[in-house]
Amino acid sequence: MYLQGDASVYGIAACLYQKDTLGRIKHIGFVSKSLNPAERNWSTNRRECAAIVFGFVKFKSLLWGHSNIEVLTDHLALTFMFTSTGLNSTLQSYLEILGEFNFTVSHVKGIDNVLCDSLSRLYPPIDEDKLLEDENDRQIKKLQKLILIKRATNKEKQLLKETT
């Protein structure tokens, strides 16, 4: 079993696959998610590690009990992180989550991690100014509608006065 992960500034992704007897890749699943503004501020190490943890959590039922899971990452530092000491508490907690799995970590070239890379970039940056503009547009349309309703009711009142 192979679990490949990647992270961008805006999202994380993981792909699960296996190889058949001829060495051909047989994809099993793909997962990705956008990162919220706080997560976008994480270090590259943390985002890349979060992508791997995300994959293990999402594919837990498929990975449980496998003794030969190979984690593939294009982030070279991640290959050493799983065997190093002196990690910060967040990265240590990630390692605790992964402690129930038997896996090895290997580095792949970025060019060979295209699928996960693309999935992690599915989520465009959120332009907060654009969000504010959209909200302002909604409010303006709402006010315009209320004004039209008010004008319509005033005309109806005037028509009623003229006819009575």
C-alpha atoms as a PDB file:
ATOM      1  CA  MET A   1       0.000   0.000   0.000  1.00  0.00           C
ATOM      2  CA  TYR A   2       1.205   3.476  -0.815  1.00  0.00           C
ATOM      3  CA  LEU A   3       0.023   6.688   0.803  1.00  0.00           C
ATOM      4  CA  GLN A   4       1.167   9.816  -0.939  1.00  0.00           C
ATOM      5  CA  GLY A   5       0.594  13.276   0.529  1.00  0.00           C
ATOM      6  CA  ASP A   6       1.202  16.884  -0.326  1.00  0.00           C
ATOM      7  CA  ALA A   7       0.373  20.354   0.919  1.00  0.00           C
ATOM      8  CA  SER A   8       0.109  23.781  -0.603  1.00  0.00           C
ATOM      9  CA  VAL A   9      -0.530  27.072   1.115  1.00  0.00           C
ATOM     10  CA  TYR A  10      -4.280  26.613   0.563  1.00  0.00           C
ATOM     11  CA  GLY A  11      -4.929  22.890   0.978  1.00  0.00           C
ATOM     12  CA  ILE A  12      -3.706  19.396   1.794  1.00  0.00           C
ATOM     13  CA  ALA A  13      -4.239  16.136  -0.058  1.00  0.00           C
ATOM     14  CA  ALA A  14      -3.511  12.428   0.108  1.00  0.00           C
ATOM     15  CA  CYS A  15      -3.761   9.589  -2.398  1.00  0.00           C
ATOM     16  CA  LEU A  16      -3.922   5.898  -1.595  1.00  0.00           C
ATOM     17  CA  TYR A  17      -2.913   3.280  -4.128  1.00  0.00           C
ATOM     18  CA  GLN A  18      -1.318  -0.104  -4.560  1.00  0.00           C
ATOM     19  CA  LYS A  19       0.644  -1.734  -7.332  1.00  0.00           C
ATOM     20  CA  ASP A  20      -0.362  -4.881  -9.134  1.00  0.00           C
ATOM     21  CA  THR A  21       2.024  -7.738  -9.903  1.00  0.00           C
ATOM     22  CA  LEU A  22       3.229  -5.910 -13.015  1.00  0.00           C
ATOM     23  CA  GLY A  23       4.004  -2.769 -11.024  1.00  0.00           C
ATOM     24  CA  ARG A  24       1.071  -0.785 -12.399  1.00  0.00           C
ATOM     25  CA  ILE A  25      -0.533   1.721 -10.048  1.00  0.00           C
ATOM     26  CA  LYS A  26      -4.109   0.967  -8.998  1.00  0.00           C
ATOM     27  CA  HIS A  27      -5.658   3.975  -7.304  1.00  0.00           C
ATOM     28  CA  ILE A  28      -7.859   3.329  -4.288  1.00  0.00           C
ATOM     29  CA  GLY A  29      -8.807   6.769  -3.039  1.00  0.00           C
ATOM     30  CA  PHE A  30      -8.169  10.486  -3.035  1.00  0.00           C
ATOM     31  CA  VAL A  31      -8.865  13.073  -0.332  1.00  0.00           C
ATOM     32  CA  SER A  32      -8.220  16.777  -0.055  1.00  0.00           C
ATOM     33  CA  LYS A  33      -9.360  19.699   2.011  1.00  0.00           C
ATOM     34  CA  SER A  34      -8.869  23.425   2.108  1.00  0.00           C
ATOM     35  CA  LEU A  35      -6.949  25.061   4.906  1.00  0.00           C
ATOM     36  CA  ASN A  36      -8.545  27.769   7.004  1.00  0.00           C
ATOM     37  CA  PRO A  37      -6.704  31.090   7.495  1.00  0.00           C
ATOM     38  CA  ALA A  38      -4.999  29.908  10.709  1.00  0.00           C
ATOM     39  CA  GLU A  39      -3.816  26.657   9.089  1.00  0.00           C
ATOM     40  CA  ARG A  40      -2.407  28.623   6.151  1.00  0.00           C
ATOM     41  CA  ASN A  41       0.021  30.210   8.609  1.00  0.00           C
ATOM     42  CA  TRP A  42       1.468  26.824   9.617  1.00  0.00           C
ATOM     43  CA  SER A  43       5.050  26.023   8.706  1.00  0.00           C
ATOM     44  CA  THR A  44       5.668  23.954   5.588  1.00  0.00           C
ATOM     45  CA  ASN A  45       6.766  21.007   7.770  1.00  0.00           C
ATOM     46  CA  ARG A  46       3.511  21.103   9.697  1.00  0.00           C
ATOM     47  CA  ARG A  47       1.319  21.384   6.580  1.00  0.00           C
ATOM     48  CA  GLU A  48       3.167  18.525   4.874  1.00  0.00           C
ATOM     49  CA  CYS A  49       2.895  16.363   7.988  1.00  0.00           C
ATOM     50  CA  ALA A  50      -0.784  17.283   8.352  1.00  0.00           C
ATOM     51  CA  ALA A  51      -1.368  16.016   4.808  1.00  0.00           C
ATOM     52  CA  ILE A  52       0.066  12.607   5.730  1.00  0.00           C
ATOM     53  CA  VAL A  53      -1.907  12.451   8.984  1.00  0.00           C
ATOM     54  CA  PHE A  54      -5.044  13.493   7.076  1.00  0.00           C
ATOM     55  CA  GLY A  55      -4.486  10.607   4.660  1.00  0.00           C
ATOM     56  CA  PHE A  56      -3.983   8.069   7.447  1.00  0.00           C
ATOM     57  CA  VAL A  57      -7.089   9.279   9.269  1.00  0.00           C
ATOM     58  CA  LYS A  58      -9.289   9.282   6.148  1.00  0.00           C
ATOM     59  CA  PHE A  59      -8.051   5.891   4.930  1.00  0.00           C
ATOM     60  CA  LYS A  60      -7.736   4.292   8.382  1.00  0.00           C
ATOM     61  CA  SER A  61     -10.179   1.484   7.621  1.00  0.00           C
ATOM     62  CA  LEU A  62      -8.217   0.576   4.491  1.00  0.00           C
ATOM     63  CA  LEU A  63      -4.770   0.891   6.067  1.00  0.00           C
ATOM     64  CA  TRP A  64      -5.505  -0.806   9.364  1.00  0.00           C
ATOM     65  CA  GLY A  65      -3.472  -3.997   9.747  1.00  0.00           C
ATOM     66  CA  HIS A  66      -1.219  -3.505   6.715  1.00  0.00           C
ATOM     67  CA  SER A  67       2.401  -4.139   7.588  1.00  0.00           C
ATOM     68  CA  ASN A  68       3.988  -2.626   4.511  1.00  0.00           C
ATOM     69  CA  ILE A  69       2.588   0.886   4.069  1.00  0.00           C
ATOM     70  CA  GLU A  70       4.962   3.179   2.236  1.00  0.00           C
ATOM     71  CA  VAL A  71       4.418   6.899   2.732  1.00  0.00           C
ATOM     72  CA  LEU A  72       5.648   8.976  -0.181  1.00  0.00           C
ATOM     73  CA  THR A  73       6.341  12.687   0.113  1.00  0.00           C
ATOM     74  CA  ASP A  74       8.097  15.309  -1.947  1.00  0.00           C
ATOM     75  CA  HIS A  75       9.057  17.156   1.239  1.00  0.00           C
ATOM     76  CA  LEU A  76      12.518  15.807   2.058  1.00  0.00           C
ATOM     77  CA  ALA A  77      12.511  17.055   5.665  1.00  0.00           C
ATOM     78  CA  LEU A  78       9.484  14.873   6.371  1.00  0.00           C
ATOM     79  CA  THR A  79      11.502  11.725   5.705  1.00  0.00           C
ATOM     80  CA  PHE A  80      13.779  12.598   8.628  1.00  0.00           C
ATOM     81  CA  MET A  81      11.092  13.958  10.913  1.00  0.00           C
ATOM     82  CA  PHE A  82       9.598  10.549  11.627  1.00  0.00           C
ATOM     83  CA  THR A  83      12.889   9.327  13.088  1.00  0.00           C
ATOM     84  CA  SER A  84      14.112  12.507  14.768  1.00  0.00           C
ATOM     85  CA  THR A  85      13.837  13.572  18.381  1.00  0.00           C
ATOM     86  CA  GLY A  86      13.183  17.009  19.791  1.00  0.00           C
ATOM     87  CA  LEU A  87      10.080  17.778  17.732  1.00  0.00           C
ATOM     88  CA  ASN A  88       7.622  20.400  18.879  1.00  0.00           C
ATOM     89  CA  SER A  89       4.477  19.220  20.657  1.00  0.00           C
ATOM     90  CA  THR A  90       2.255  19.534  17.582  1.00  0.00           C
ATOM     91  CA  LEU A  91       4.472  17.350  15.420  1.00  0.00           C
ATOM     92  CA  GLN A  92       4.859  14.896  18.324  1.00  0.00           C
ATOM     93  CA  SER A  93       1.069  14.623  18.553  1.00  0.00           C
ATOM     94  CA  TYR A  94       0.958  13.853  14.821  1.00  0.00           C
ATOM     95  CA  LEU A  95       3.494  11.079  15.380  1.00  0.00           C
ATOM     96  CA  GLU A  96       1.357   9.673  18.195  1.00  0.00           C
ATOM     97  CA  ILE A  97      -1.622   9.494  15.839  1.00  0.00           C
ATOM     98  CA  LEU A  98       0.518   7.640  13.307  1.00  0.00           C
ATOM     99  CA  GLY A  99       2.011   5.363  15.967  1.00  0.00           C
ATOM    100  CA  GLU A 100      -0.680   2.742  15.445  1.00  0.00           C
ATOM    101  CA  PHE A 101       0.455   2.166  11.852  1.00  0.00           C
ATOM    102  CA  ASN A 102       3.501   0.339  10.533  1.00  0.00           C
ATOM    103  CA  PHE A 103       4.971   2.425   7.725  1.00  0.00           C
ATOM    104  CA  THR A 104       8.132   3.679   6.106  1.00  0.00           C
ATOM    105  CA  VAL A 105       8.651   7.130   4.614  1.00  0.00           C
ATOM    106  CA  SER A 106      10.315   7.704   1.258  1.00  0.00           C
ATOM    107  CA  HIS A 107      11.073  10.811  -0.718  1.00  0.00           C
ATOM    108  CA  VAL A 108       9.743  11.240  -4.258  1.00  0.00           C
ATOM    109  CA  LYS A 109      10.573  14.007  -6.682  1.00  0.00           C
ATOM    110  CA  GLY A 110       7.988  16.753  -6.899  1.00  0.00           C
ATOM    111  CA  ILE A 111       7.466  15.869 -10.557  1.00  0.00           C
ATOM    112  CA  ASP A 112       6.340  12.393  -9.419  1.00  0.00           C
ATOM    113  CA  ASN A 113       3.829  13.803  -6.936  1.00  0.00           C
ATOM    114  CA  VAL A 114       1.652  15.572  -9.492  1.00  0.00           C
ATOM    115  CA  LEU A 115      -1.706  14.121  -8.460  1.00  0.00           C
ATOM    116  CA  CYS A 116      -1.472  15.020  -4.771  1.00  0.00           C
ATOM    117  CA  ASP A 117       0.066  18.349  -5.661  1.00  0.00           C
ATOM    118  CA  SER A 118      -2.886  19.150  -7.919  1.00  0.00           C
ATOM    119  CA  LEU A 119      -5.410  18.053  -5.304  1.00  0.00           C
ATOM    120  CA  SER A 120      -3.791  20.239  -2.662  1.00  0.00           C
ATOM    121  CA  ARG A 121      -4.095  23.218  -5.007  1.00  0.00           C
ATOM    122  CA  LEU A 122      -7.784  22.725  -5.800  1.00  0.00           C
ATOM    123  CA  TYR A 123      -8.755  25.427  -3.376  1.00  0.00           C
ATOM    124  CA  PRO A 124      -8.162  28.965  -4.600  1.00  0.00           C
ATOM    125  CA  PRO A 125      -7.117  31.627  -2.152  1.00  0.00           C
ATOM    126  CA  ILE A 126     -10.016  33.358  -0.486  1.00  0.00           C
ATOM    127  CA  ASP A 127      -9.881  37.037  -1.290  1.00  0.00           C
ATOM    128  CA  GLU A 128     -11.367  38.658   1.786  1.00  0.00           C
ATOM    129  CA  ASP A 129     -11.979  41.897  -0.110  1.00  0.00           C
ATOM    130  CA  LYS A 130     -14.020  39.911  -2.626  1.00  0.00           C
ATOM    131  CA  LEU A 131     -16.015  38.354   0.209  1.00  0.00           C
ATOM    132  CA  LEU A 132     -16.742  41.809   1.593  1.00  0.00           C
ATOM    133  CA  GLU A 133     -17.761  43.044  -1.854  1.00  0.00           C
ATOM    134  CA  ASP A 134     -20.131  40.100  -2.249  1.00  0.00           C
ATOM    135  CA  GLU A 135     -21.654  40.779   1.159  1.00  0.00           C
ATOM    136  CA  ASN A 136     -22.046  44.470   0.324  1.00  0.00           C
ATOM    137  CA  ASP A 137     -23.696  43.559  -2.980  1.00  0.00           C
ATOM    138  CA  ARG A 138     -26.152  41.283  -1.155  1.00  0.00           C
ATOM    139  CA  GLN A 139     -26.986  44.038   1.323  1.00  0.00           C
ATOM    140  CA  ILE A 140     -27.487  46.599  -1.460  1.00  0.00           C
ATOM    141  CA  LYS A 141     -29.789  44.252  -3.379  1.00  0.00           C
ATOM    142  CA  LYS A 142     -31.754  43.607  -0.218  1.00  0.00           C
ATOM    143  CA  LEU A 143     -32.154  47.354   0.386  1.00  0.00           C
ATOM    144  CA  GLN A 144     -33.152  47.938  -3.234  1.00  0.00           C
ATOM    145  CA  LYS A 145     -35.820  45.274  -2.903  1.00  0.00           C
ATOM    146  CA  LEU A 146     -37.137  46.861   0.306  1.00  0.00           C
ATOM    147  CA  ILE A 147     -37.271  50.280  -1.381  1.00  0.00           C
ATOM    148  CA  LEU A 148     -39.218  48.826  -4.313  1.00  0.00           C
ATOM    149  CA  ILE A 149     -41.654  47.169  -1.922  1.00  0.00           C
ATOM    150  CA  LYS A 150     -42.042  50.415   0.004  1.00  0.00           C
ATOM    151  CA  ARG A 151     -42.680  52.370  -3.223  1.00  0.00           C
ATOM    152  CA  ALA A 152     -45.177  49.772  -4.373  1.00  0.00           C
ATOM    153  CA  THR A 153     -47.104  49.942  -1.107  1.00  0.00           C
ATOM    154  CA  ASN A 154     -47.065  53.772  -1.219  1.00  0.00           C
ATOM    155  CA  LYS A 155     -48.499  53.686  -4.766  1.00  0.00           C
ATOM    156  CA  GLU A 156     -51.154  51.224  -3.641  1.00  0.00           C
ATOM    157  CA  LYS A 157     -52.076  53.540  -0.756  1.00  0.00           C
ATOM    158  CA  GLN A 158     -52.319  56.475  -3.150  1.00  0.00           C
ATOM    159  CA  LEU A 159     -54.495  54.473  -5.563  1.00  0.00           C
ATOM    160  CA  LEU A 160     -56.768  53.496  -2.697  1.00  0.00           C
ATOM    161  CA  LYS A 161     -57.164  57.161  -1.675  1.00  0.00           C
ATOM    162  CA  GLU A 162     -57.954  58.213  -5.239  1.00  0.00           C
ATOM    163  CA  THR A 163     -60.576  55.507  -5.731  1.00  0.00           C
ATOM    164  CA  THR A 164     -62.388  56.068  -2.433  1.00  0.00           C
END
